[in-house]
Amino acid sequence: GCEVHAFDPTVGGLPPDAAEEPRIHYHKQAVGPKSGQDGNFLIVESILDTMARLGHQWLDILKIDVEASEWSVFDALVKAGKLPFSQILIELHYAGPA
């Protein structure tokens, strides 16, 4: 009985089979190091602001793929002194020299 929240500003919504599941929620927004707007997406929200808006204090699993923004997202979490999740699944993008 877990609840799943998916965040992606680049697609229109969940696939039809997932959209029928009442415990899966889609949010057309980007996740970033801070909340606000940027030049690419209408809505960007930090993980902590998103959790507060949804009434969540803890995440059992955080899966994240934010196309090289993961470094700034986690830097913001560390600076806030909060890593509010038990497990993390992350796709890392390294933009430095090989």
N, C-alpha and C. Protein backbone atom coordinates (compact mmCIF):
# COMPACT_ATOMS: atom_id res chain seq x y z
N GLY A 1 0.75 -1.19 0.00
CA GLY A 1 0.00 0.00 0.00
C GLY A 1 0.81 1.28 0.00
N CYS A 2 1.86 1.39 -0.80
CA CYS A 2 2.61 2.64 -0.81
C CYS A 2 1.98 3.64 -1.78
N GLU A 3 2.38 4.87 -1.61
CA GLU A 3 1.95 5.97 -2.47
C GLU A 3 3.15 6.38 -3.31
N VAL A 4 2.93 6.63 -4.60
CA VAL A 4 4.01 7.00 -5.51
C VAL A 4 3.69 8.37 -6.11
N HIS A 5 4.69 9.24 -6.12
CA HIS A 5 4.56 10.55 -6.76
C HIS A 5 5.62 10.64 -7.84
N ALA A 6 5.20 10.94 -9.06
CA ALA A 6 6.11 11.08 -10.20
C ALA A 6 6.12 12.54 -10.63
N PHE A 7 7.32 13.06 -10.88
CA PHE A 7 7.50 14.46 -11.27
C PHE A 7 8.26 14.51 -12.59
N ASP A 8 7.66 15.12 -13.60
CA ASP A 8 8.33 15.24 -14.90
C ASP A 8 7.64 16.34 -15.69
N PRO A 9 8.36 17.42 -15.97
CA PRO A 9 7.75 18.52 -16.73
C PRO A 9 7.77 18.30 -18.23
N THR A 10 8.39 17.20 -18.69
CA THR A 10 8.57 17.00 -20.13
C THR A 10 7.55 16.08 -20.77
N VAL A 11 6.67 15.47 -19.97
CA VAL A 11 5.65 14.58 -20.53
C VAL A 11 4.27 15.06 -20.09
N GLY A 12 3.25 14.58 -20.76
CA GLY A 12 1.89 15.02 -20.48
C GLY A 12 1.23 14.35 -19.29
N GLY A 13 1.75 13.22 -18.86
CA GLY A 13 1.14 12.51 -17.74
C GLY A 13 1.65 11.09 -17.67
N LEU A 14 0.98 10.31 -16.84
CA LEU A 14 1.35 8.91 -16.66
C LEU A 14 0.87 8.07 -17.82
N PRO A 15 1.50 6.92 -18.05
CA PRO A 15 0.97 5.97 -19.03
C PRO A 15 -0.44 5.54 -18.60
N PRO A 16 -1.30 5.17 -19.54
CA PRO A 16 -2.69 4.85 -19.19
C PRO A 16 -2.86 3.83 -18.07
N ASP A 17 -2.06 2.76 -18.06
CA ASP A 17 -2.23 1.75 -17.02
C ASP A 17 -1.86 2.30 -15.64
N ALA A 18 -0.83 3.15 -15.56
CA ALA A 18 -0.46 3.75 -14.28
C ALA A 18 -1.45 4.83 -13.86
N ALA A 19 -2.02 5.53 -14.82
CA ALA A 19 -2.96 6.61 -14.51
C ALA A 19 -4.22 6.09 -13.84
N GLU A 20 -4.54 4.83 -14.04
CA GLU A 20 -5.73 4.23 -13.43
C GLU A 20 -5.50 3.85 -11.96
N GLU A 21 -4.26 3.83 -11.53
CA GLU A 21 -3.93 3.44 -10.15
C GLU A 21 -4.08 4.64 -9.23
N PRO A 22 -4.98 4.58 -8.24
CA PRO A 22 -5.23 5.74 -7.38
C PRO A 22 -4.07 6.12 -6.45
N ARG A 23 -3.08 5.24 -6.27
CA ARG A 23 -1.96 5.56 -5.38
C ARG A 23 -0.76 6.14 -6.13
N ILE A 24 -0.90 6.32 -7.46
CA ILE A 24 0.17 6.93 -8.25
C ILE A 24 -0.28 8.31 -8.67
N HIS A 25 0.53 9.31 -8.35
CA HIS A 25 0.19 10.71 -8.61
C HIS A 25 1.24 11.34 -9.50
N TYR A 26 0.80 12.04 -10.54
CA TYR A 26 1.71 12.69 -11.48
C TYR A 26 1.71 14.20 -11.23
N HIS A 27 2.91 14.79 -11.26
CA HIS A 27 3.07 16.23 -11.09
C HIS A 27 3.90 16.76 -12.26
N LYS A 28 3.36 17.67 -13.02
CA LYS A 28 4.09 18.24 -14.16
C LYS A 28 4.97 19.38 -13.65
N GLN A 29 6.06 19.01 -13.04
CA GLN A 29 7.00 19.98 -12.50
C GLN A 29 8.40 19.40 -12.48
N ALA A 30 9.37 20.30 -12.43
CA ALA A 30 10.76 19.90 -12.31
C ALA A 30 11.17 19.93 -10.85
N VAL A 31 12.16 19.12 -10.52
CA VAL A 31 12.77 19.15 -9.19
C VAL A 31 14.11 19.85 -9.33
N GLY A 32 14.37 20.80 -8.46
CA GLY A 32 15.62 21.56 -8.52
C GLY A 32 16.13 21.87 -7.14
N PRO A 33 17.25 22.59 -7.05
CA PRO A 33 17.82 22.92 -5.75
C PRO A 33 17.00 23.94 -4.97
N LYS A 34 16.21 24.74 -5.67
CA LYS A 34 15.35 25.72 -4.99
C LYS A 34 14.06 25.88 -5.78
N SER A 35 13.05 26.36 -5.12
CA SER A 35 11.74 26.52 -5.76
C SER A 35 11.67 27.84 -6.52
N GLY A 36 10.91 27.84 -7.58
CA GLY A 36 10.72 29.04 -8.38
C GLY A 36 10.46 28.68 -9.82
N GLN A 37 10.85 29.55 -10.71
CA GLN A 37 10.71 29.32 -12.13
C GLN A 37 12.06 29.45 -12.79
N ASP A 38 12.24 28.74 -13.90
CA ASP A 38 13.46 28.92 -14.67
C ASP A 38 13.09 29.07 -16.14
N GLY A 39 14.06 29.21 -16.99
CA GLY A 39 13.80 29.46 -18.39
C GLY A 39 13.27 28.26 -19.16
N ASN A 40 13.40 27.06 -18.60
CA ASN A 40 12.98 25.86 -19.30
C ASN A 40 11.63 25.32 -18.87
N PHE A 41 11.32 25.45 -17.60
CA PHE A 41 10.10 24.86 -17.06
C PHE A 41 9.30 25.90 -16.30
N LEU A 42 8.00 25.77 -16.31
CA LEU A 42 7.17 26.72 -15.58
C LEU A 42 7.35 26.59 -14.08
N ILE A 43 7.38 25.36 -13.58
CA ILE A 43 7.45 25.15 -12.14
C ILE A 43 8.67 24.31 -11.79
N VAL A 44 9.49 24.82 -10.89
CA VAL A 44 10.60 24.08 -10.31
C VAL A 44 10.41 24.14 -8.82
N GLU A 45 10.54 23.00 -8.15
CA GLU A 45 10.34 22.99 -6.71
C GLU A 45 11.42 22.12 -6.07
N SER A 46 11.93 22.55 -4.94
CA SER A 46 12.92 21.76 -4.22
C SER A 46 12.23 20.52 -3.62
N ILE A 47 13.04 19.52 -3.33
CA ILE A 47 12.49 18.30 -2.71
C ILE A 47 11.84 18.64 -1.37
N LEU A 48 12.49 19.47 -0.56
CA LEU A 48 11.93 19.80 0.75
C LEU A 48 10.62 20.58 0.63
N ASP A 49 10.53 21.53 -0.31
CA ASP A 49 9.28 22.27 -0.51
C ASP A 49 8.18 21.36 -1.04
N THR A 50 8.54 20.45 -1.93
CA THR A 50 7.55 19.50 -2.46
C THR A 50 7.03 18.60 -1.34
N MET A 51 7.93 18.11 -0.51
CA MET A 51 7.51 17.26 0.61
C MET A 51 6.58 18.02 1.55
N ALA A 52 6.91 19.26 1.85
CA ALA A 52 6.06 20.06 2.74
C ALA A 52 4.69 20.28 2.12
N ARG A 53 4.65 20.59 0.83
CA ARG A 53 3.37 20.82 0.15
C ARG A 53 2.49 19.57 0.16
N LEU A 54 3.12 18.41 0.05
CA LEU A 54 2.38 17.15 0.03
C LEU A 54 2.14 16.57 1.42
N GLY A 55 2.69 17.22 2.44
CA GLY A 55 2.50 16.75 3.82
C GLY A 55 3.37 15.55 4.17
N HIS A 56 4.51 15.41 3.51
CA HIS A 56 5.41 14.29 3.76
C HIS A 56 6.61 14.76 4.58
N GLN A 57 6.94 14.00 5.62
CA GLN A 57 8.12 14.31 6.43
C GLN A 57 9.27 13.36 6.13
N TRP A 58 8.96 12.21 5.55
CA TRP A 58 9.97 11.20 5.28
C TRP A 58 9.60 10.44 4.03
N LEU A 59 10.61 10.06 3.23
CA LEU A 59 10.41 9.23 2.04
C LEU A 59 11.10 7.90 2.27
N ASP A 60 10.39 6.81 1.99
CA ASP A 60 11.03 5.51 2.10
C ASP A 60 12.05 5.32 0.98
N ILE A 61 11.67 5.71 -0.25
CA ILE A 61 12.57 5.60 -1.39
C ILE A 61 12.47 6.88 -2.22
N LEU A 62 13.61 7.44 -2.57
CA LEU A 62 13.67 8.57 -3.49
C LEU A 62 14.41 8.09 -4.73
N LYS A 63 13.73 8.11 -5.88
CA LYS A 63 14.35 7.78 -7.17
C LYS A 63 14.43 9.08 -7.94
N ILE A 64 15.62 9.43 -8.42
CA ILE A 64 15.78 10.73 -9.05
C ILE A 64 16.69 10.65 -10.27
N ASP A 65 16.26 11.30 -11.34
CA ASP A 65 17.04 11.47 -12.56
C ASP A 65 16.70 12.86 -13.08
N VAL A 66 17.53 13.83 -12.76
CA VAL A 66 17.21 15.22 -13.10
C VAL A 66 18.26 15.83 -14.03
N GLU A 67 18.85 14.97 -14.87
CA GLU A 67 19.71 15.41 -15.98
C GLU A 67 20.78 16.42 -15.57
N ALA A 68 21.66 16.02 -14.69
CA ALA A 68 22.81 16.78 -14.21
C ALA A 68 22.47 17.80 -13.12
N SER A 69 21.22 17.98 -12.78
CA SER A 69 20.87 18.86 -11.67
C SER A 69 20.94 18.15 -10.33
N GLU A 70 21.18 16.83 -10.36
CA GLU A 70 21.23 16.08 -9.10
C GLU A 70 22.30 16.62 -8.17
N TRP A 71 23.40 17.12 -8.71
CA TRP A 71 24.48 17.63 -7.87
C TRP A 71 24.01 18.84 -7.08
N SER A 72 23.33 19.78 -7.72
CA SER A 72 22.86 20.97 -7.00
C SER A 72 21.68 20.65 -6.09
N VAL A 73 20.84 19.68 -6.49
CA VAL A 73 19.72 19.27 -5.64
C VAL A 73 20.24 18.70 -4.32
N PHE A 74 21.22 17.80 -4.39
CA PHE A 74 21.74 17.19 -3.17
C PHE A 74 22.64 18.13 -2.38
N ASP A 75 23.31 19.05 -3.05
CA ASP A 75 24.07 20.07 -2.35
C ASP A 75 23.13 20.91 -1.49
N ALA A 76 21.97 21.28 -2.03
CA ALA A 76 20.99 22.06 -1.27
C ALA A 76 20.46 21.27 -0.07
N LEU A 77 20.23 19.97 -0.24
CA LEU A 77 19.75 19.14 0.87
C LEU A 77 20.81 19.05 1.97
N VAL A 78 22.05 18.84 1.58
CA VAL A 78 23.13 18.73 2.57
C VAL A 78 23.29 20.06 3.31
N LYS A 79 23.26 21.18 2.58
CA LYS A 79 23.39 22.50 3.22
C LYS A 79 22.23 22.77 4.17
N ALA A 80 21.04 22.22 3.86
CA ALA A 80 19.88 22.38 4.75
C ALA A 80 19.97 21.42 5.93
N GLY A 81 20.92 20.48 5.89
CA GLY A 81 21.07 19.51 6.97
C GLY A 81 19.97 18.48 6.99
N LYS A 82 19.38 18.19 5.80
CA LYS A 82 18.27 17.25 5.74
C LYS A 82 18.45 16.28 4.58
N LEU A 83 18.42 15.02 4.90
CA LEU A 83 18.38 13.96 3.91
C LEU A 83 17.21 13.06 4.32
N PRO A 84 15.97 13.49 4.02
CA PRO A 84 14.78 12.84 4.57
C PRO A 84 14.30 11.62 3.79
N PHE A 85 15.19 10.62 3.63
CA PHE A 85 14.78 9.41 2.94
C PHE A 85 15.61 8.24 3.42
N SER A 86 15.03 7.03 3.31
CA SER A 86 15.71 5.82 3.75
C SER A 86 16.64 5.28 2.67
N GLN A 87 16.15 5.29 1.42
CA GLN A 87 16.93 4.76 0.31
C GLN A 87 16.89 5.75 -0.84
N ILE A 88 17.96 5.75 -1.63
CA ILE A 88 18.00 6.64 -2.78
C ILE A 88 18.46 5.85 -4.01
N LEU A 89 17.75 6.05 -5.09
CA LEU A 89 18.13 5.51 -6.40
C LEU A 89 18.38 6.73 -7.27
N ILE A 90 19.59 6.86 -7.79
CA ILE A 90 19.94 8.09 -8.48
C ILE A 90 20.74 7.80 -9.75
N GLU A 91 20.42 8.52 -10.81
CA GLU A 91 21.21 8.49 -12.03
C GLU A 91 22.11 9.71 -11.99
N LEU A 92 23.41 9.47 -11.95
CA LEU A 92 24.38 10.56 -11.87
C LEU A 92 24.89 10.92 -13.27
N HIS A 93 25.03 12.21 -13.50
CA HIS A 93 25.57 12.72 -14.75
C HIS A 93 26.84 13.48 -14.43
N TYR A 94 27.93 13.06 -15.02
CA TYR A 94 29.21 13.72 -14.75
C TYR A 94 29.58 14.56 -15.96
N ALA A 95 29.70 15.87 -15.76
CA ALA A 95 29.93 16.78 -16.87
C ALA A 95 31.39 17.22 -16.97
N GLY A 96 32.26 16.71 -16.10
CA GLY A 96 33.65 17.12 -16.11
C GLY A 96 34.46 16.41 -17.17
N PRO A 97 35.74 16.71 -17.24
CA PRO A 97 36.60 16.05 -18.22
C PRO A 97 36.76 14.57 -17.93
N ALA A 98 36.87 13.80 -18.97
CA ALA A 98 36.97 12.33 -18.83
C ALA A 98 38.35 11.93 -18.36
